[in-house]
Amino acid sequence: MVNPLPYSDFRSDTATAPTPEMFEAMMKSSLGDDVYYEDDSVKALEKYVATLCGHEAALYCSSGTMTNQLAHRVHLCNPPQSAMVDIRSHVFNYEAGGISFHSQAAVVPIMPANGHHLTVEDLEQRLVQDVDVHYAPTRVVSLENTLNGTIMPLEEIVRIRAFTNEHNVKLHLDGARLWHASIATGISMKEYCSHFDTISLCLSKGIGAPIGSILVGSEQVIKKARHFRLLFGGGWRQAGFLAEAALWCIKTNWPSMEKTHQQAKWLEQALEHVGCFITNPVDTNMIWIDTTDAGFVVEELMEELLLEGIKITGSGTAARLVLHYQISDKVIETFIGVLRKLTSTPRMKVLIDMTLVAMREECMSMDSPTSSLGRGSQREQNPRKKLELNTTASEPAQDPYPSPKSKVSFSPRKESFDKGESESEGKSEWNVRSLFRRSTKQRPRSWYESAEVLKIDDMNQGEQKDPSEPKHLDVRRTRSLDLLPEARSISVSSKEPTEDDGKKVKKASTFHKMTQSPSKAFRRASVRVQRWSTLLSKDRN
């Protein structure tokens, strides 16, 4: 199929454009008024799809969001009520909270235990029956097939249908890409749809129509949905030419999905070959990738592909590629050529890997029992919270996170967040910065060779210290080798450190923090990668 656009779009299968053949079909449409139910082309489309799916009637609408919301509004008519949905589903994430707004229903999102699709066991745990006035009883279960390009097994759909029948719960399907599941599995649309009370089918995703989705169900459901469609402002007049284009696309483009799936598998193999990780099974026309191991970010791939007239979407190391009938084999070959070009250029991947290893080891060291933090995920928090940790004098302050048996209390502090540690009579205090700073006495050696340097515990000028506090210098490890001799000379001196000495060692400590910070280390590595790549590109040219 010829692509009428000057570029190839992998961002979504809704990005297809009308073809000359489609315009010819549209020219033959009727010109009736669909609000009065007088347009023959719309009637023909609705009858064709209803018969294809084995249901009594259908309703042609402008979008999949509208058909999904109409179906839930018909089923959810008696608050208080709730609907169970997949937490990754379109109705939960991308329809602006429509179920709660339009249907006055609570939405119960569920993450499948198997990470792939909802099961009866997932639903049983969250089912709310109408026995306790404190809860909103479950009235609808909403499934999606395909979801992120993966196919839900028919066997599980049959089990869920039996479960919903047992508890008098309606079952809706967001089947925007059910066309793909039918082609990939060989299971007919009629077989899939026979297990649902309502089904929403998109006519622009994959099918390639300019606009529209269609809701399938019983005569009674569709009659009520037609009423709500007008209430939502979705009634349209001369919609016949759009319906004619949609019917032409079902008959012409739907069978071509098999080739699209083959292209997706082809591209998947090429992506894996260059080191990309495929994060979801490629069952149909969607490829989800992680480019971390490939040594490039999505923005680089996006830039190179755009030069070849190919558009994709994504950021960082994650991207979604969606294929459709207007993607040709030649475009796939061009895409693969760009991948080879990117991965054939030597990059600073070793340096990045070493940086990542260092970052992981630092996090692991913070998770170790000997670390003063106990958990590496708890980093420096919002400085506006100016809190301090107080314990009684009888309790030795050995760890910023005492055991649960210790008497611990948090209280607001008026001093600046950047002030150092202090001790007052009857209690030991640490400021927020010390809470999220590693222990200087138990700090593990880094993966690279480290050197010992000394640091003054408290470097804040003018702060009163307890006379009993030791005035010696604690050992700290750092890579500030150029400041090492001067710091050592200060440490071996028998004199109390002066203000000038404190500034010098503080400089060494600041340099230490710069070299030890994972985020800054990664930034420096990224700069080196970019500079090296630029030099290599100049040499290659």
Protein backbone atom coordinates (compact mmCIF):
# COMPACT_ATOMS: atom_id res chain seq x y z
CA MET A 1 0.00 0.00 0.00
CA VAL A 2 1.42 3.37 -1.02
CA ASN A 3 2.00 5.89 1.76
CA PRO A 4 0.64 9.31 0.65
CA LEU A 5 2.70 11.13 3.31
CA PRO A 6 6.28 12.34 2.68
CA TYR A 7 7.46 10.45 5.78
CA SER A 8 6.91 7.12 7.52
CA ASP A 9 5.38 7.33 10.99
CA PHE A 10 6.14 4.74 13.68
CA ARG A 11 4.63 6.84 16.50
CA SER A 12 1.18 5.25 16.27
CA ASP A 13 -1.04 3.27 13.93
CA THR A 14 -3.48 6.18 14.05
CA ALA A 15 -0.97 8.15 11.94
CA THR A 16 -2.10 6.63 8.64
CA ALA A 17 -3.40 8.99 5.94
CA PRO A 18 -6.34 8.58 3.54
CA THR A 19 -5.40 7.17 0.14
CA PRO A 20 -6.82 8.01 -3.29
CA GLU A 21 -8.73 4.70 -3.28
CA MET A 22 -10.31 5.67 0.04
CA PHE A 23 -11.41 9.01 -1.37
CA GLU A 24 -13.07 7.21 -4.28
CA ALA A 25 -15.09 5.12 -1.82
CA MET A 26 -16.04 8.23 0.15
CA MET A 27 -17.42 9.84 -3.00
CA LYS A 28 -20.05 7.09 -3.17
CA SER A 29 -21.44 7.70 0.33
CA SER A 30 -24.97 8.77 1.21
CA LEU A 31 -25.72 12.26 2.53
CA GLY A 32 -28.33 11.55 5.20
CA ASP A 33 -28.50 12.78 8.82
CA ASP A 34 -27.21 10.26 11.36
CA VAL A 35 -28.81 12.02 14.35
CA TYR A 36 -32.17 11.24 12.73
CA TYR A 37 -30.80 7.78 11.92
CA GLU A 38 -31.30 8.41 8.19
CA ASP A 39 -27.82 7.91 6.73
CA ASP A 40 -27.54 4.67 4.75
CA SER A 41 -23.73 4.53 4.78
CA VAL A 42 -23.63 4.76 8.58
CA LYS A 43 -26.36 2.12 8.86
CA ALA A 44 -24.46 -0.18 6.53
CA LEU A 45 -21.26 0.14 8.57
CA GLU A 46 -23.05 -0.50 11.87
CA LYS A 47 -24.89 -3.54 10.52
CA TYR A 48 -21.72 -4.98 8.97
CA VAL A 49 -19.68 -4.72 12.19
CA ALA A 50 -22.54 -5.96 14.41
CA THR A 51 -22.90 -9.05 12.23
CA LEU A 52 -19.13 -9.58 12.11
CA CYS A 53 -19.01 -9.56 15.92
CA GLY A 54 -22.15 -11.64 16.46
CA HIS A 55 -24.14 -8.92 18.25
CA GLU A 56 -27.46 -7.28 17.59
CA ALA A 57 -26.47 -3.67 16.96
CA ALA A 58 -23.64 -1.16 16.76
CA LEU A 59 -23.13 2.59 17.13
CA TYR A 60 -20.62 4.60 15.07
CA CYS A 61 -18.87 7.33 17.10
CA SER A 62 -16.06 9.81 16.64
CA SER A 63 -13.47 8.23 18.97
CA GLY A 64 -12.53 5.21 21.06
CA THR A 65 -12.70 7.29 24.20
CA MET A 66 -16.33 8.06 23.46
CA THR A 67 -17.31 4.44 22.76
CA ASN A 68 -15.57 3.26 25.94
CA GLN A 69 -17.24 5.94 28.05
CA LEU A 70 -20.66 5.28 26.52
CA ALA A 71 -20.39 1.58 27.33
CA HIS A 72 -19.45 2.25 30.96
CA ARG A 73 -22.16 4.89 31.30
CA VAL A 74 -24.81 2.43 30.13
CA HIS A 75 -23.66 -0.27 32.56
CA LEU A 76 -22.98 2.04 35.51
CA CYS A 77 -26.38 3.57 36.14
CA ASN A 78 -26.98 3.18 39.88
CA PRO A 79 -24.38 4.71 42.27
CA PRO A 80 -22.64 3.82 44.50
CA GLN A 81 -20.78 1.52 42.12
CA SER A 82 -17.30 0.62 40.90
CA ALA A 83 -15.48 -0.79 37.89
CA MET A 84 -12.43 -3.06 37.94
CA VAL A 85 -9.84 -2.29 35.24
CA ASP A 86 -6.28 -3.20 34.35
CA ILE A 87 -3.95 -0.58 35.80
CA ARG A 88 -2.20 -0.25 32.40
CA SER A 89 -5.41 0.11 30.42
CA HIS A 90 -6.48 2.99 28.19
CA VAL A 91 -9.73 3.61 30.07
CA PHE A 92 -7.77 4.15 33.29
CA ASN A 93 -4.75 6.11 32.04
CA TYR A 94 -5.71 8.01 28.90
CA GLU A 95 -9.37 8.99 29.10
CA ALA A 96 -9.12 11.87 31.59
CA GLY A 97 -10.81 10.00 34.44
CA GLY A 98 -13.95 9.67 32.33
CA ILE A 99 -15.46 6.72 34.20
CA SER A 100 -15.48 8.63 37.48
CA PHE A 101 -16.74 11.82 35.82
CA HIS A 102 -19.41 10.50 33.46
CA SER A 103 -20.59 7.42 35.35
CA GLN A 104 -20.10 8.51 38.99
CA ALA A 105 -18.25 5.28 39.69
CA ALA A 106 -15.13 4.37 41.63
CA VAL A 107 -12.38 2.84 39.52
CA VAL A 108 -10.39 -0.07 40.93
CA PRO A 109 -7.10 -0.46 38.99
CA ILE A 110 -5.47 -3.90 39.25
CA MET A 111 -1.96 -4.92 38.30
CA PRO A 112 -1.99 -8.50 36.97
CA ALA A 113 -0.01 -10.87 39.16
CA ASN A 114 1.50 -12.49 36.07
CA GLY A 115 2.53 -9.11 34.64
CA HIS A 116 0.76 -9.87 31.35
CA HIS A 117 -3.03 -10.04 31.67
CA LEU A 118 -5.76 -10.05 34.28
CA THR A 119 -6.98 -13.38 35.60
CA VAL A 120 -9.95 -14.55 37.68
CA GLU A 121 -7.64 -14.78 40.68
CA ASP A 122 -6.73 -11.08 40.31
CA LEU A 123 -10.40 -10.10 40.15
CA GLU A 124 -11.55 -12.30 43.04
CA GLN A 125 -9.30 -10.44 45.46
CA ARG A 126 -10.81 -7.05 44.58
CA LEU A 127 -14.44 -7.95 43.94
CA VAL A 128 -16.84 -5.90 46.08
CA GLN A 129 -20.28 -7.42 46.60
CA ASP A 130 -23.31 -5.42 47.68
CA VAL A 131 -23.24 -6.54 51.31
CA ASP A 132 -21.51 -3.67 53.14
CA VAL A 133 -22.64 -0.06 52.87
CA HIS A 134 -19.05 1.15 53.34
CA TYR A 135 -17.99 -0.02 49.88
CA ALA A 136 -18.99 0.62 46.27
CA PRO A 137 -20.10 -2.72 44.78
CA THR A 138 -18.46 -3.94 41.56
CA ARG A 139 -20.75 -3.51 38.56
CA VAL A 140 -18.34 -3.72 35.62
CA VAL A 141 -15.13 -5.52 34.72
CA SER A 142 -13.29 -3.80 31.86
CA LEU A 143 -10.64 -5.67 29.86
CA GLU A 144 -8.38 -4.60 27.00
CA ASN A 145 -7.22 -6.77 24.09
CA THR A 146 -4.65 -6.18 22.75
CA LEU A 147 -2.89 -4.34 25.58
CA ASN A 148 0.46 -2.75 24.71
CA GLY A 149 0.53 -5.03 21.70
CA THR A 150 0.14 -8.26 23.70
CA ILE A 151 -2.74 -10.68 23.27
CA MET A 152 -4.96 -11.80 26.13
CA PRO A 153 -5.56 -15.59 26.02
CA LEU A 154 -9.09 -16.57 25.04
CA GLU A 155 -9.12 -19.23 27.77
CA GLU A 156 -8.79 -16.55 30.45
CA ILE A 157 -11.50 -14.44 28.84
CA VAL A 158 -13.85 -17.45 29.07
CA ARG A 159 -13.00 -17.90 32.77
CA ILE A 160 -13.60 -14.21 33.50
CA ARG A 161 -16.94 -14.32 31.66
CA ALA A 162 -18.08 -17.20 33.89
CA PHE A 163 -16.88 -15.27 36.95
CA THR A 164 -18.80 -12.10 36.02
CA ASN A 165 -21.95 -14.08 35.23
CA GLU A 166 -21.77 -15.71 38.65
CA HIS A 167 -21.64 -12.33 40.39
CA ASN A 168 -24.02 -10.46 38.05
CA VAL A 169 -21.29 -8.12 36.78
CA LYS A 170 -21.14 -6.68 33.26
CA LEU A 171 -18.06 -7.34 31.09
CA HIS A 172 -16.74 -4.69 28.68
CA LEU A 173 -13.86 -4.96 26.22
CA ASP A 174 -11.73 -2.14 24.94
CA GLY A 175 -10.97 -3.90 21.67
CA ALA A 176 -9.37 -0.96 19.91
CA ARG A 177 -6.82 -3.37 18.40
CA LEU A 178 -8.86 -6.57 18.65
CA TRP A 179 -8.53 -6.72 14.85
CA HIS A 180 -4.83 -7.50 15.35
CA ALA A 181 -5.53 -10.23 17.93
CA SER A 182 -7.97 -11.92 15.56
CA ILE A 183 -5.47 -11.95 12.67
CA ALA A 184 -2.56 -13.10 14.87
CA THR A 185 -4.44 -15.96 16.56
CA GLY A 186 -6.89 -16.97 13.86
CA ILE A 187 -9.75 -16.59 16.35
CA SER A 188 -12.74 -14.91 14.74
CA MET A 189 -14.09 -11.57 15.89
CA LYS A 190 -17.39 -13.30 16.57
CA GLU A 191 -15.74 -15.76 18.98
CA TYR A 192 -13.89 -13.02 20.83
CA CYS A 193 -16.90 -10.71 21.10
CA SER A 194 -19.38 -13.40 22.15
CA HIS A 195 -17.99 -13.27 25.69
CA PHE A 196 -18.62 -9.55 26.26
CA ASP A 197 -21.68 -7.39 26.88
CA THR A 198 -20.14 -4.45 25.01
CA ILE A 199 -17.09 -4.07 22.75
CA SER A 200 -15.37 -0.90 21.58
CA LEU A 201 -13.56 -1.31 18.23
CA CYS A 202 -11.30 1.39 16.82
CA LEU A 203 -11.52 2.04 13.10
CA SER A 204 -8.50 4.35 12.82
CA LYS A 205 -5.90 2.23 14.67
CA GLY A 206 -4.56 -0.37 12.29
CA ILE A 207 -7.70 -0.43 10.19
CA GLY A 208 -6.63 2.96 8.83
CA ALA A 209 -9.90 4.89 8.63
CA PRO A 210 -9.59 8.68 8.90
CA ILE A 211 -11.63 8.82 12.09
CA GLY A 212 -13.96 6.87 14.34
CA SER A 213 -14.69 3.90 16.61
CA ILE A 214 -17.74 1.70 16.85
CA LEU A 215 -19.54 0.30 19.93
CA VAL A 216 -21.10 -3.16 19.65
CA GLY A 217 -23.77 -4.65 21.92
CA SER A 218 -27.43 -5.59 22.27
CA GLU A 219 -30.28 -3.53 20.82
CA GLN A 220 -31.21 -2.24 24.26
CA VAL A 221 -27.62 -1.23 25.13
CA ILE A 222 -27.05 0.53 21.80
CA LYS A 223 -30.36 2.40 22.07
CA LYS A 224 -29.36 3.79 25.46
CA ALA A 225 -25.81 4.52 24.23
CA ARG A 226 -27.22 6.49 21.28
CA HIS A 227 -29.12 8.67 23.75
CA PHE A 228 -25.98 9.24 25.84
CA ARG A 229 -23.97 10.00 22.70
CA LEU A 230 -26.20 12.98 22.01
CA LEU A 231 -25.96 13.99 25.67
CA PHE A 232 -22.15 13.92 25.37
CA GLY A 233 -22.33 16.14 22.29
CA GLY A 234 -21.30 13.29 19.99
CA GLY A 235 -24.20 13.27 17.59
CA TRP A 236 -23.13 14.01 14.02
CA ARG A 237 -25.08 14.82 10.92
CA GLN A 238 -23.72 13.88 7.49
CA ALA A 239 -21.25 11.25 8.69
CA GLY A 240 -21.85 8.95 5.71
CA PHE A 241 -18.58 9.70 3.90
CA LEU A 242 -16.58 8.81 7.06
CA ALA A 243 -18.56 5.61 7.54
CA GLU A 244 -17.99 4.65 3.89
CA ALA A 245 -14.23 5.13 4.33
CA ALA A 246 -14.27 3.00 7.51
CA LEU A 247 -16.16 0.17 5.81
CA TRP A 248 -13.73 0.25 2.87
CA CYS A 249 -10.78 0.04 5.29
CA ILE A 250 -12.19 -2.97 7.15
CA LYS A 251 -12.61 -4.88 3.92
CA THR A 252 -9.27 -3.77 2.41
CA ASN A 253 -6.76 -3.10 5.17
CA TRP A 254 -7.74 -5.59 7.84
CA PRO A 255 -6.37 -8.63 5.92
CA SER A 256 -3.00 -6.84 5.48
CA MET A 257 -2.29 -6.98 9.24
CA GLU A 258 -0.60 -10.35 8.85
CA LYS A 259 2.17 -8.71 6.82
CA THR A 260 2.45 -5.94 9.43
CA HIS A 261 3.03 -8.57 12.14
CA GLN A 262 5.77 -10.16 10.03
CA GLN A 263 7.46 -6.78 9.65
CA ALA A 264 7.28 -6.27 13.42
CA LYS A 265 9.06 -9.59 13.98
CA TRP A 266 11.68 -8.65 11.40
CA LEU A 267 12.37 -5.32 13.07
CA GLU A 268 12.36 -6.95 16.50
CA GLN A 269 15.18 -9.30 15.45
CA ALA A 270 17.22 -6.39 14.08
CA LEU A 271 16.78 -4.42 17.31
CA GLU A 272 17.85 -7.37 19.43
CA HIS A 273 20.87 -7.90 17.16
CA VAL A 274 22.20 -4.39 17.91
CA GLY A 275 21.70 -4.84 21.66
CA CYS A 276 18.24 -3.38 22.31
CA PHE A 277 16.15 -5.12 24.94
CA ILE A 278 12.54 -5.91 23.99
CA THR A 279 10.51 -5.14 27.09
CA ASN A 280 7.15 -6.60 25.94
CA PRO A 281 6.35 -9.66 23.80
CA VAL A 282 5.90 -8.70 20.15
CA ASP A 283 2.58 -10.46 19.52
CA THR A 284 1.21 -8.05 16.94
CA ASN A 285 2.31 -4.65 15.59
CA MET A 286 3.96 -3.03 18.63
CA ILE A 287 7.61 -3.10 19.74
CA TRP A 288 8.69 -1.72 23.12
CA ILE A 289 12.45 -1.27 23.42
CA ASP A 290 15.15 -0.34 25.92
CA THR A 291 18.33 0.92 24.26
CA THR A 292 20.59 0.88 27.33
CA ASP A 293 22.73 -2.07 26.22
CA ALA A 294 22.82 -0.83 22.63
CA GLY A 295 24.90 2.18 23.68
CA PHE A 296 22.67 4.97 22.37
CA VAL A 297 19.68 6.95 23.57
CA VAL A 298 16.35 7.29 21.79
CA GLU A 299 16.99 10.95 20.95
CA GLU A 300 20.03 9.91 18.88
CA LEU A 301 18.02 7.27 17.06
CA MET A 302 15.19 9.74 16.53
CA GLU A 303 17.54 12.30 15.02
CA GLU A 304 19.16 9.82 12.62
CA LEU A 305 15.81 8.36 11.53
CA LEU A 306 14.36 11.79 10.89
CA LEU A 307 17.10 12.39 8.34
CA GLU A 308 15.75 9.34 6.51
CA GLY A 309 12.12 10.50 6.72
CA ILE A 310 11.11 8.23 9.62
CA LYS A 311 9.37 9.48 12.77
CA ILE A 312 9.40 7.71 16.13
CA THR A 313 8.63 8.73 19.70
CA GLY A 314 10.33 8.06 23.02
CA SER A 315 12.90 9.50 25.40
CA GLY A 316 16.00 8.41 27.25
CA THR A 317 16.41 4.70 26.63
CA ALA A 318 12.73 3.77 26.18
CA ALA A 319 10.64 3.89 23.01
CA ARG A 320 7.52 2.39 21.44
CA LEU A 321 7.43 1.52 17.74
CA VAL A 322 4.05 0.92 16.12
CA LEU A 323 3.76 -0.55 12.63
CA HIS A 324 0.81 -0.29 10.25
CA TYR A 325 -0.17 -0.98 6.68
CA GLN A 326 1.53 2.16 5.32
CA ILE A 327 4.98 0.98 6.51
CA SER A 328 6.74 -0.70 3.58
CA ASP A 329 9.56 -3.27 3.56
CA LYS A 330 11.87 -0.60 2.16
CA VAL A 331 11.21 1.59 5.19
CA ILE A 332 12.06 -1.33 7.50
CA GLU A 333 15.34 -1.82 5.64
CA THR A 334 16.12 1.89 6.03
CA PHE A 335 15.36 1.67 9.76
CA ILE A 336 17.70 -1.30 10.15
CA GLY A 337 20.39 0.57 8.21
CA VAL A 338 20.19 3.45 10.67
CA LEU A 339 20.53 1.01 13.58
CA ARG A 340 23.69 -0.44 12.04
CA LYS A 341 25.10 3.01 11.48
CA LEU A 342 24.51 3.99 15.11
CA THR A 343 25.98 0.83 16.59
CA SER A 344 28.97 0.66 14.21
CA THR A 345 30.30 4.01 15.49
CA PRO A 346 32.66 3.37 18.44
CA ARG A 347 31.33 4.97 21.58
CA MET A 348 32.42 5.46 25.12
CA LYS A 349 30.30 2.51 26.20
CA VAL A 350 33.06 1.08 28.43
CA LEU A 351 33.29 4.35 30.35
CA ILE A 352 29.51 4.45 30.76
CA ASP A 353 29.50 0.84 31.98
CA MET A 354 32.24 1.61 34.50
CA THR A 355 30.32 4.63 35.73
CA LEU A 356 27.15 2.58 36.10
CA VAL A 357 29.08 -0.11 38.00
CA ALA A 358 30.43 2.52 40.36
CA MET A 359 26.96 3.93 40.90
CA ARG A 360 25.52 0.48 41.62
CA GLU A 361 28.32 -0.36 44.05
CA GLU A 362 27.80 2.92 45.87
CA CYS A 363 24.08 2.17 46.20
CA MET A 364 24.88 -1.37 47.39
CA SER A 365 27.29 -0.02 49.97
CA MET A 366 24.54 2.24 51.27
CA ASP A 367 22.21 -0.78 51.51
CA SER A 368 24.78 -2.77 53.50
CA PRO A 369 24.23 -3.26 57.25
CA THR A 370 27.45 -1.37 58.00
CA SER A 371 26.24 1.74 56.25
CA SER A 372 24.98 4.63 58.34
CA LEU A 373 21.94 4.93 56.09
CA GLY A 374 20.78 1.34 55.99
CA ARG A 375 18.98 1.93 52.66
CA GLY A 376 20.48 3.49 49.58
CA SER A 377 17.13 4.67 48.27
CA GLN A 378 16.76 7.20 51.05
CA ARG A 379 18.82 10.14 49.80
CA GLU A 380 18.86 13.77 50.76
CA GLN A 381 15.31 14.98 51.14
CA ASN A 382 13.56 18.29 50.73
CA PRO A 383 15.56 20.92 52.68
CA ARG A 384 12.37 22.82 53.42
CA LYS A 385 11.44 20.14 55.92
CA LYS A 386 14.26 21.29 58.30
CA LEU A 387 13.90 18.39 60.72
CA GLU A 388 16.30 16.92 63.27
CA LEU A 389 16.51 13.67 65.13
CA ASN A 390 16.49 13.80 68.93
CA THR A 391 17.33 11.01 71.37
CA THR A 392 17.86 10.93 75.11
CA ALA A 393 21.36 11.31 76.55
CA SER A 394 21.30 7.76 77.87
CA GLU A 395 21.03 6.38 74.35
CA PRO A 396 24.30 6.40 72.36
CA ALA A 397 23.86 8.06 68.99
CA GLN A 398 25.65 5.49 66.82
CA ASP A 399 23.28 5.34 63.87
CA PRO A 400 21.05 8.09 62.40
CA TYR A 401 18.34 5.40 62.17
CA PRO A 402 18.11 3.82 65.65
CA SER A 403 16.28 0.58 66.34
CA PRO A 404 12.49 0.67 66.80
CA LYS A 405 12.97 0.31 70.56
CA SER A 406 14.83 3.63 70.78
CA LYS A 407 12.96 6.74 71.78
CA VAL A 408 12.97 8.84 68.65
CA SER A 409 11.21 12.14 67.96
CA PHE A 410 11.31 14.67 65.14
CA SER A 411 11.04 18.39 65.85
CA PRO A 412 11.32 21.50 63.68
CA ARG A 413 14.61 23.37 63.68
CA LYS A 414 15.09 27.09 63.27
CA GLU A 415 18.74 26.97 62.20
CA SER A 416 19.76 26.98 58.54
CA PHE A 417 19.66 23.63 56.76
CA ASP A 418 23.34 24.00 55.84
CA LYS A 419 24.59 24.34 59.39
CA GLY A 420 26.74 21.57 60.79
CA GLU A 421 26.25 19.14 63.65
CA SER A 422 25.87 20.28 67.23
CA GLU A 423 25.44 18.65 70.61
CA SER A 424 23.52 20.16 73.51
CA GLU A 425 23.20 19.08 77.09
CA GLY A 426 20.90 16.13 77.65
CA LYS A 427 20.48 15.14 73.96
CA SER A 428 22.34 14.46 70.76
CA GLU A 429 21.27 16.22 67.56
CA TRP A 430 21.92 15.70 63.88
CA ASN A 431 20.78 18.01 61.14
CA VAL A 432 19.16 16.73 57.94
CA ARG A 433 22.42 16.80 56.01
CA SER A 434 24.11 14.49 58.48
CA LEU A 435 21.15 12.11 58.38
CA PHE A 436 21.70 11.48 54.68
CA ARG A 437 25.51 11.50 54.68
CA ARG A 438 27.55 8.34 54.76
CA SER A 439 29.52 7.40 57.84
CA THR A 440 33.12 8.58 57.59
CA LYS A 441 34.33 5.76 59.82
CA GLN A 442 32.69 2.82 58.04
CA ARG A 443 32.80 4.07 54.46
CA PRO A 444 33.70 1.13 52.13
CA ARG A 445 36.45 1.51 49.56
CA SER A 446 35.23 2.38 46.07
CA TRP A 447 35.79 0.17 43.01
CA TYR A 448 38.65 2.36 41.86
CA GLU A 449 41.84 2.91 43.86
CA SER A 450 41.18 5.44 46.59
CA ALA A 451 43.46 7.50 48.80
CA GLU A 452 43.09 8.61 52.39
CA VAL A 453 42.61 12.21 53.22
CA LEU A 454 41.59 13.91 56.43
CA LYS A 455 38.63 16.16 56.98
CA ILE A 456 37.44 18.39 59.80
CA ASP A 457 34.08 17.20 61.18
CA ASP A 458 32.55 20.63 61.60
CA MET A 459 33.46 23.36 59.10
CA ASN A 460 30.78 25.92 59.89
CA GLN A 461 32.19 29.19 61.09
CA GLY A 462 31.04 30.65 64.42
CA GLU A 463 29.06 27.61 65.56
CA GLN A 464 29.43 26.75 69.27
CA LYS A 465 30.72 23.25 69.93
CA ASP A 466 30.51 21.14 73.04
CA PRO A 467 33.86 21.32 74.95
CA SER A 468 33.81 17.55 75.31
CA GLU A 469 33.70 17.03 71.55
CA PRO A 470 37.01 15.64 70.16
CA LYS A 471 39.03 18.11 68.12
CA HIS A 472 40.82 15.56 65.99
CA LEU A 473 40.29 14.90 62.30
CA ASP A 474 38.39 11.85 61.05
CA VAL A 475 39.61 9.72 58.16
CA ARG A 476 37.81 10.16 54.86
CA ARG A 477 38.50 8.57 51.47
CA THR A 478 38.62 10.66 48.32
CA ARG A 479 40.36 11.10 44.96
CA SER A 480 41.53 14.68 45.62
CA LEU A 481 45.18 13.65 45.39
CA ASP A 482 46.40 17.17 44.65
CA LEU A 483 45.12 18.34 48.04
CA LEU A 484 46.43 15.30 49.90
CA PRO A 485 49.82 16.66 51.15
CA GLU A 486 48.32 19.88 52.47
CA ALA A 487 45.51 18.06 54.25
CA ARG A 488 47.98 15.64 55.82
CA SER A 489 50.16 18.46 57.09
CA ILE A 490 47.13 19.95 58.82
CA SER A 491 46.18 16.61 60.36
CA VAL A 492 49.58 15.85 61.88
CA SER A 493 49.85 19.29 63.44
CA SER A 494 49.37 19.36 67.21
CA LYS A 495 47.72 22.77 66.98
CA GLU A 496 44.00 23.24 66.85
CA PRO A 497 42.99 23.79 63.18
CA THR A 498 42.60 27.43 62.25
CA GLU A 499 39.86 28.96 60.14
CA ASP A 500 42.19 29.01 57.13
CA ASP A 501 43.03 25.33 57.65
CA GLY A 502 39.35 24.56 57.79
CA LYS A 503 38.79 26.24 54.43
CA LYS A 504 41.57 24.22 52.85
CA VAL A 505 40.25 20.89 54.06
CA LYS A 506 36.71 21.97 53.22
CA LYS A 507 37.92 22.43 49.66
CA ALA A 508 39.19 18.85 49.68
CA SER A 509 35.83 17.68 51.05
CA THR A 510 33.94 19.57 48.34
CA PHE A 511 36.11 17.98 45.66
CA HIS A 512 35.41 14.62 47.27
CA LYS A 513 31.66 15.12 47.03
CA MET A 514 31.96 16.06 43.36
CA THR A 515 33.91 12.92 42.50
CA GLN A 516 31.69 10.66 44.60
CA SER A 517 28.30 11.96 43.42
CA PRO A 518 26.80 9.35 41.03
CA SER A 519 24.68 11.87 39.16
CA LYS A 520 27.59 14.23 38.49
CA ALA A 521 29.88 11.33 37.65
CA PHE A 522 27.39 10.17 35.08
CA ARG A 523 27.15 13.70 33.65
CA ARG A 524 30.92 13.90 33.28
CA ALA A 525 30.97 10.50 31.57
CA SER A 526 28.21 11.63 29.20
CA VAL A 527 30.23 14.73 28.26
CA ARG A 528 33.25 12.56 27.52
CA VAL A 529 31.11 10.26 25.38
CA GLN A 530 29.80 13.18 23.36
CA ARG A 531 33.28 14.64 22.86
CA TRP A 532 34.72 11.31 21.82
CA SER A 533 31.85 10.63 19.45
CA THR A 534 32.40 14.05 17.86
CA LEU A 535 36.10 13.35 17.33
CA LEU A 536 35.35 9.92 15.85
CA SER A 537 32.75 11.42 13.53
CA LYS A 538 35.33 13.98 12.30
CA ASP A 539 37.89 11.21 11.73
CA ARG A 540 35.35 9.11 9.85
CA ASN A 541 34.36 12.03 7.63
